[in-house]
């Protein structure tokens, strides 16, 4: 990428151009599994289907 994304519209344009197969707003999230830092205790997104909405936040907090 040669420029910094400055706003939501830039991000949307980049996303639509570079990853047309990625889920879009309103799509059902793809199945995935996460494990804790030790590689244990898997949690699947499907474990939460039908329950209250949830948010996943990814990032570095160091």
PDB file of N, CA and C in Angstrom:
ATOM      1  N   UNK A   1       0.857  -1.166   0.000  1.00  0.00           N
ATOM      2  CA  UNK A   1       0.000   0.000   0.000  1.00  0.00           C
ATOM      3  C   UNK A   1       0.901   1.227   0.000  1.00  0.00           C
ATOM      4  N   UNK A   2       0.614   2.174  -0.853  1.00  0.00           N
ATOM      5  CA  UNK A   2       1.496   3.324  -1.007  1.00  0.00           C
ATOM      6  C   UNK A   2       1.016   4.562  -0.273  1.00  0.00           C
ATOM      7  N   UNK A   3      -0.197   4.542   0.258  1.00  0.00           N
ATOM      8  CA  UNK A   3      -0.674   5.712   0.990  1.00  0.00           C
ATOM      9  C   UNK A   3      -1.353   5.277   2.283  1.00  0.00           C
ATOM     10  N   UNK A   4      -1.426   6.184   3.209  1.00  0.00           N
ATOM     11  CA  UNK A   4      -2.070   5.917   4.485  1.00  0.00           C
ATOM     12  C   UNK A   4      -3.567   6.132   4.345  1.00  0.00           C
ATOM     13  N   UNK A   5      -4.325   5.218   4.907  1.00  0.00           N
ATOM     14  CA  UNK A   5      -5.783   5.362   4.890  1.00  0.00           C
ATOM     15  C   UNK A   5      -6.155   6.456   5.878  1.00  0.00           C
ATOM     16  N   UNK A   6      -6.872   7.445   5.409  1.00  0.00           N
ATOM     17  CA  UNK A   6      -7.183   8.621   6.215  1.00  0.00           C
ATOM     18  C   UNK A   6      -8.576   8.612   6.832  1.00  0.00           C
ATOM     19  N   UNK A   7      -9.510   7.929   6.205  1.00  0.00           N
ATOM     20  CA  UNK A   7     -10.880   7.965   6.708  1.00  0.00           C
ATOM     21  C   UNK A   7     -11.630   6.701   6.285  1.00  0.00           C
ATOM     22  N   UNK A   8     -12.855   6.619   6.713  1.00  0.00           N
ATOM     23  CA  UNK A   8     -13.667   5.438   6.444  1.00  0.00           C
ATOM     24  C   UNK A   8     -13.847   5.195   4.947  1.00  0.00           C
ATOM     25  N   UNK A   9     -14.024   6.242   4.185  1.00  0.00           N
ATOM     26  CA  UNK A   9     -14.213   6.073   2.740  1.00  0.00           C
ATOM     27  C   UNK A   9     -12.951   5.514   2.087  1.00  0.00           C
ATOM     28  N   UNK A  10     -11.773   5.997   2.483  1.00  0.00           N
ATOM     29  CA  UNK A  10     -10.515   5.432   1.978  1.00  0.00           C
ATOM     30  C   UNK A  10     -10.426   3.945   2.328  1.00  0.00           C
ATOM     31  N   UNK A  11     -10.790   3.607   3.565  1.00  0.00           N
ATOM     32  CA  UNK A  11     -10.730   2.216   4.008  1.00  0.00           C
ATOM     33  C   UNK A  11     -11.685   1.355   3.193  1.00  0.00           C
ATOM     34  N   UNK A  12     -12.890   1.843   2.978  1.00  0.00           N
ATOM     35  CA  UNK A  12     -13.875   1.094   2.200  1.00  0.00           C
ATOM     36  C   UNK A  12     -13.402   0.894   0.761  1.00  0.00           C
ATOM     37  N   UNK A  13     -12.837   1.935   0.156  1.00  0.00           N
ATOM     38  CA  UNK A  13     -12.328   1.829  -1.214  1.00  0.00           C
ATOM     39  C   UNK A  13     -11.219   0.784  -1.287  1.00  0.00           C
ATOM     40  N   UNK A  14     -10.283   0.839  -0.328  1.00  0.00           N
ATOM     41  CA  UNK A  14      -9.191  -0.131  -0.296  1.00  0.00           C
ATOM     42  C   UNK A  14      -9.736  -1.541  -0.148  1.00  0.00           C
ATOM     43  N   UNK A  15     -10.654  -1.703   0.793  1.00  0.00           N
ATOM     44  CA  UNK A  15     -11.236  -3.013   1.073  1.00  0.00           C
ATOM     45  C   UNK A  15     -11.938  -3.575  -0.160  1.00  0.00           C
ATOM     46  N   UNK A  16     -12.755  -2.780  -0.803  1.00  0.00           N
ATOM     47  CA  UNK A  16     -13.497  -3.252  -1.970  1.00  0.00           C
ATOM     48  C   UNK A  16     -12.562  -3.594  -3.128  1.00  0.00           C
ATOM     49  N   UNK A  17     -11.455  -2.869  -3.252  1.00  0.00           N
ATOM     50  CA  UNK A  17     -10.519  -3.124  -4.339  1.00  0.00           C
ATOM     51  C   UNK A  17      -9.663  -4.363  -4.076  1.00  0.00           C
ATOM     52  N   UNK A  18      -9.127  -4.479  -2.857  1.00  0.00           N
ATOM     53  CA  UNK A  18      -8.152  -5.520  -2.565  1.00  0.00           C
ATOM     54  C   UNK A  18      -8.736  -6.806  -1.998  1.00  0.00           C
ATOM     55  N   UNK A  19      -9.924  -6.803  -1.478  1.00  0.00           N
ATOM     56  CA  UNK A  19     -10.465  -8.009  -0.878  1.00  0.00           C
ATOM     57  C   UNK A  19     -11.959  -8.149  -1.140  1.00  0.00           C
ATOM     58  N   UNK A  20     -12.345  -8.322  -2.402  1.00  0.00           N
ATOM     59  CA  UNK A  20     -13.770  -8.402  -2.726  1.00  0.00           C
ATOM     60  C   UNK A  20     -14.461  -9.634  -2.144  1.00  0.00           C
ATOM     61  N   UNK A  21     -13.713 -10.643  -1.729  1.00  0.00           N
ATOM     62  CA  UNK A  21     -14.323 -11.844  -1.165  1.00  0.00           C
ATOM     63  C   UNK A  21     -14.517 -11.769   0.342  1.00  0.00           C
ATOM     64  N   UNK A  22     -14.017 -10.714   0.969  1.00  0.00           N
ATOM     65  CA  UNK A  22     -14.160 -10.565   2.419  1.00  0.00           C
ATOM     66  C   UNK A  22     -15.620 -10.308   2.779  1.00  0.00           C
ATOM     67  N   UNK A  23     -16.026 -10.679   3.982  1.00  0.00           N
ATOM     68  CA  UNK A  23     -17.407 -10.421   4.405  1.00  0.00           C
ATOM     69  C   UNK A  23     -17.722  -8.929   4.365  1.00  0.00           C
ATOM     70  N   UNK A  24     -18.938  -8.615   4.029  1.00  0.00           N
ATOM     71  CA  UNK A  24     -19.412  -7.226   3.987  1.00  0.00           C
ATOM     72  C   UNK A  24     -20.376  -6.998   5.158  1.00  0.00           C
ATOM     73  N   UNK A  25     -20.659  -5.761   5.440  1.00  0.00           N
ATOM     74  CA  UNK A  25     -21.602  -5.424   6.509  1.00  0.00           C
ATOM     75  C   UNK A  25     -22.917  -6.149   6.257  1.00  0.00           C
ATOM     76  N   UNK A  26     -23.412  -6.809   7.280  1.00  0.00           N
ATOM     77  CA  UNK A  26     -24.673  -7.536   7.179  1.00  0.00           C
ATOM     78  C   UNK A  26     -24.505  -9.008   6.845  1.00  0.00           C
ATOM     79  N   UNK A  27     -23.317  -9.418   6.370  1.00  0.00           N
ATOM     80  CA  UNK A  27     -23.068 -10.831   6.082  1.00  0.00           C
ATOM     81  C   UNK A  27     -22.908 -11.600   7.393  1.00  0.00           C
ATOM     82  N   UNK A  28     -23.179 -12.885   7.332  1.00  0.00           N
ATOM     83  CA  UNK A  28     -22.909 -13.745   8.484  1.00  0.00           C
ATOM     84  C   UNK A  28     -21.404 -13.936   8.563  1.00  0.00           C
ATOM     85  N   UNK A  29     -20.857 -13.797   9.754  1.00  0.00           N
ATOM     86  CA  UNK A  29     -19.411 -13.936   9.945  1.00  0.00           C
ATOM     87  C   UNK A  29     -18.958 -15.351   9.606  1.00  0.00           C
ATOM     88  N   UNK A  30     -17.791 -15.492   8.999  1.00  0.00           N
ATOM     89  CA  UNK A  30     -17.283 -16.826   8.690  1.00  0.00           C
ATOM     90  C   UNK A  30     -16.898 -17.566   9.968  1.00  0.00           C
ATOM     91  N   UNK A  31     -16.930 -18.874   9.901  1.00  0.00           N
ATOM     92  CA  UNK A  31     -16.565 -19.692  11.055  1.00  0.00           C
ATOM     93  C   UNK A  31     -15.069 -19.557  11.327  1.00  0.00           C
ATOM     94  N   UNK A  32     -14.711 -19.424  12.584  1.00  0.00           N
ATOM     95  CA  UNK A  32     -13.307 -19.435  12.963  1.00  0.00           C
ATOM     96  C   UNK A  32     -13.179 -19.856  14.416  1.00  0.00           C
ATOM     97  N   UNK A  33     -11.955 -20.186  14.787  1.00  0.00           N
ATOM     98  CA  UNK A  33     -11.661 -20.652  16.135  1.00  0.00           C
ATOM     99  C   UNK A  33     -10.441 -19.908  16.653  1.00  0.00           C
ATOM    100  N   UNK A  34     -10.484 -19.497  17.904  1.00  0.00           N
ATOM    101  CA  UNK A  34      -9.351 -18.844  18.558  1.00  0.00           C
ATOM    102  C   UNK A  34      -8.951 -19.666  19.778  1.00  0.00           C
ATOM    103  N   UNK A  35      -7.668 -19.636  20.083  1.00  0.00           N
ATOM    104  CA  UNK A  35      -7.163 -20.332  21.270  1.00  0.00           C
ATOM    105  C   UNK A  35      -6.442 -19.327  22.163  1.00  0.00           C
ATOM    106  N   UNK A  36      -6.288 -19.685  23.420  1.00  0.00           N
ATOM    107  CA  UNK A  36      -5.588 -18.777  24.326  1.00  0.00           C
ATOM    108  C   UNK A  36      -4.104 -18.725  23.984  1.00  0.00           C
ATOM    109  N   UNK A  37      -3.348 -17.945  24.726  1.00  0.00           N
ATOM    110  CA  UNK A  37      -1.935 -17.725  24.427  1.00  0.00           C
ATOM    111  C   UNK A  37      -1.111 -19.008  24.488  1.00  0.00           C
ATOM    112  N   UNK A  38      -1.595 -20.011  25.197  1.00  0.00           N
ATOM    113  CA  UNK A  38      -0.898 -21.298  25.300  1.00  0.00           C
ATOM    114  C   UNK A  38      -1.337 -22.281  24.220  1.00  0.00           C
ATOM    115  N   UNK A  39      -2.227 -21.835  23.325  1.00  0.00           N
ATOM    116  CA  UNK A  39      -2.716 -22.705  22.259  1.00  0.00           C
ATOM    117  C   UNK A  39      -3.756 -23.697  22.728  1.00  0.00           C
ATOM    118  N   UNK A  40      -4.384 -23.399  23.861  1.00  0.00           N
ATOM    119  CA  UNK A  40      -5.374 -24.299  24.452  1.00  0.00           C
ATOM    120  C   UNK A  40      -6.737 -23.630  24.508  1.00  0.00           C
ATOM    121  N   UNK A  41      -7.709 -24.366  24.996  1.00  0.00           N
ATOM    122  CA  UNK A  41      -9.065 -23.856  25.237  1.00  0.00           C
ATOM    123  C   UNK A  41      -9.663 -23.153  24.014  1.00  0.00           C
ATOM    124  N   UNK A  42      -9.898 -23.901  22.935  1.00  0.00           N
ATOM    125  CA  UNK A  42     -10.455 -23.266  21.736  1.00  0.00           C
ATOM    126  C   UNK A  42     -11.849 -22.691  21.983  1.00  0.00           C
ATOM    127  N   UNK A  43     -12.101 -21.567  21.365  1.00  0.00           N
ATOM    128  CA  UNK A  43     -13.420 -20.932  21.386  1.00  0.00           C
ATOM    129  C   UNK A  43     -13.813 -20.714  19.938  1.00  0.00           C
ATOM    130  N   UNK A  44     -14.984 -21.177  19.566  1.00  0.00           N
ATOM    131  CA  UNK A  44     -15.471 -21.037  18.195  1.00  0.00           C
ATOM    132  C   UNK A  44     -16.546 -19.964  18.145  1.00  0.00           C
ATOM    133  N   UNK A  45     -16.546 -19.222  17.065  1.00  0.00           N
ATOM    134  CA  UNK A  45     -17.580 -18.206  16.890  1.00  0.00           C
ATOM    135  C   UNK A  45     -18.959 -18.848  16.957  1.00  0.00           C
ATOM    136  N   UNK A  46     -19.094 -20.036  16.407  1.00  0.00           N
ATOM    137  CA  UNK A  46     -20.394 -20.713  16.402  1.00  0.00           C
ATOM    138  C   UNK A  46     -20.900 -21.017  17.810  1.00  0.00           C
ATOM    139  N   UNK A  47     -20.004 -21.035  18.806  1.00  0.00           N
ATOM    140  CA  UNK A  47     -20.426 -21.253  20.191  1.00  0.00           C
ATOM    141  C   UNK A  47     -21.351 -20.139  20.671  1.00  0.00           C
ATOM    142  N   UNK A  48     -21.295 -18.989  20.005  1.00  0.00           N
ATOM    143  CA  UNK A  48     -22.065 -17.824  20.439  1.00  0.00           C
ATOM    144  C   UNK A  48     -23.277 -17.546  19.557  1.00  0.00           C
ATOM    145  N   UNK A  49     -23.471 -18.334  18.499  1.00  0.00           N
ATOM    146  CA  UNK A  49     -24.588 -18.110  17.591  1.00  0.00           C
ATOM    147  C   UNK A  49     -25.908 -18.239  18.344  1.00  0.00           C
ATOM    148  N   UNK A  50     -26.802 -17.289  18.111  1.00  0.00           N
ATOM    149  CA  UNK A  50     -28.100 -17.294  18.758  1.00  0.00           C
ATOM    150  C   UNK A  50     -28.096 -16.627  20.122  1.00  0.00           C
ATOM    151  N   UNK A  51     -26.937 -16.211  20.584  1.00  0.00           N
ATOM    152  CA  UNK A  51     -26.849 -15.522  21.871  1.00  0.00           C
ATOM    153  C   UNK A  51     -26.763 -14.019  21.617  1.00  0.00           C
ATOM    154  N   UNK A  52     -26.641 -13.253  22.663  1.00  0.00           N
ATOM    155  CA  UNK A  52     -26.555 -11.793  22.515  1.00  0.00           C
ATOM    156  C   UNK A  52     -25.356 -11.405  21.669  1.00  0.00           C
ATOM    157  N   UNK A  53     -25.439 -10.270  20.977  1.00  0.00           N
ATOM    158  CA  UNK A  53     -24.310  -9.828  20.139  1.00  0.00           C
ATOM    159  C   UNK A  53     -23.031  -9.680  20.947  1.00  0.00           C
ATOM    160  N   UNK A  54     -21.908  -9.849  20.260  1.00  0.00           N
ATOM    161  CA  UNK A  54     -20.615  -9.696  20.904  1.00  0.00           C
ATOM    162  C   UNK A  54     -19.692  -8.915  19.984  1.00  0.00           C
ATOM    163  N   UNK A  55     -18.661  -8.365  20.548  1.00  0.00           N
ATOM    164  CA  UNK A  55     -17.658  -7.636  19.761  1.00  0.00           C
ATOM    165  C   UNK A  55     -16.300  -8.266  20.016  1.00  0.00           C
ATOM    166  N   UNK A  56     -15.545  -8.455  18.941  1.00  0.00           N
ATOM    167  CA  UNK A  56     -14.177  -8.943  19.052  1.00  0.00           C
ATOM    168  C   UNK A  56     -13.258  -7.776  18.755  1.00  0.00           C
ATOM    169  N   UNK A  57     -12.303  -7.555  19.632  1.00  0.00           N
ATOM    170  CA  UNK A  57     -11.362  -6.449  19.460  1.00  0.00           C
ATOM    171  C   UNK A  57      -9.972  -7.036  19.356  1.00  0.00           C
ATOM    172  N   UNK A  58      -9.285  -6.737  18.266  1.00  0.00           N
ATOM    173  CA  UNK A  58      -7.939  -7.232  18.047  1.00  0.00           C
ATOM    174  C   UNK A  58      -6.996  -6.054  18.070  1.00  0.00           C
ATOM    175  N   UNK A  59      -5.820  -6.264  18.583  1.00  0.00           N
ATOM    176  CA  UNK A  59      -4.829  -5.194  18.570  1.00  0.00           C
ATOM    177  C   UNK A  59      -3.743  -5.443  19.598  1.00  0.00           C
ATOM    178  N   UNK A  60      -2.765  -4.603  19.577  1.00  0.00           N
ATOM    179  CA  UNK A  60      -1.680  -4.694  20.528  1.00  0.00           C
ATOM    180  C   UNK A  60      -1.913  -3.654  21.620  1.00  0.00           C
ATOM    181  N   UNK A  61      -1.879  -4.091  22.846  1.00  0.00           N
ATOM    182  CA  UNK A  61      -2.127  -3.185  23.959  1.00  0.00           C
ATOM    183  C   UNK A  61      -0.873  -3.057  24.818  1.00  0.00           C
ATOM    184  N   UNK A  62       0.288  -3.103  24.180  1.00  0.00           N
ATOM    185  CA  UNK A  62       1.546  -2.995  24.915  1.00  0.00           C
ATOM    186  C   UNK A  62       2.097  -1.597  24.818  1.00  0.00           C
TER     187      UNK A  62
END
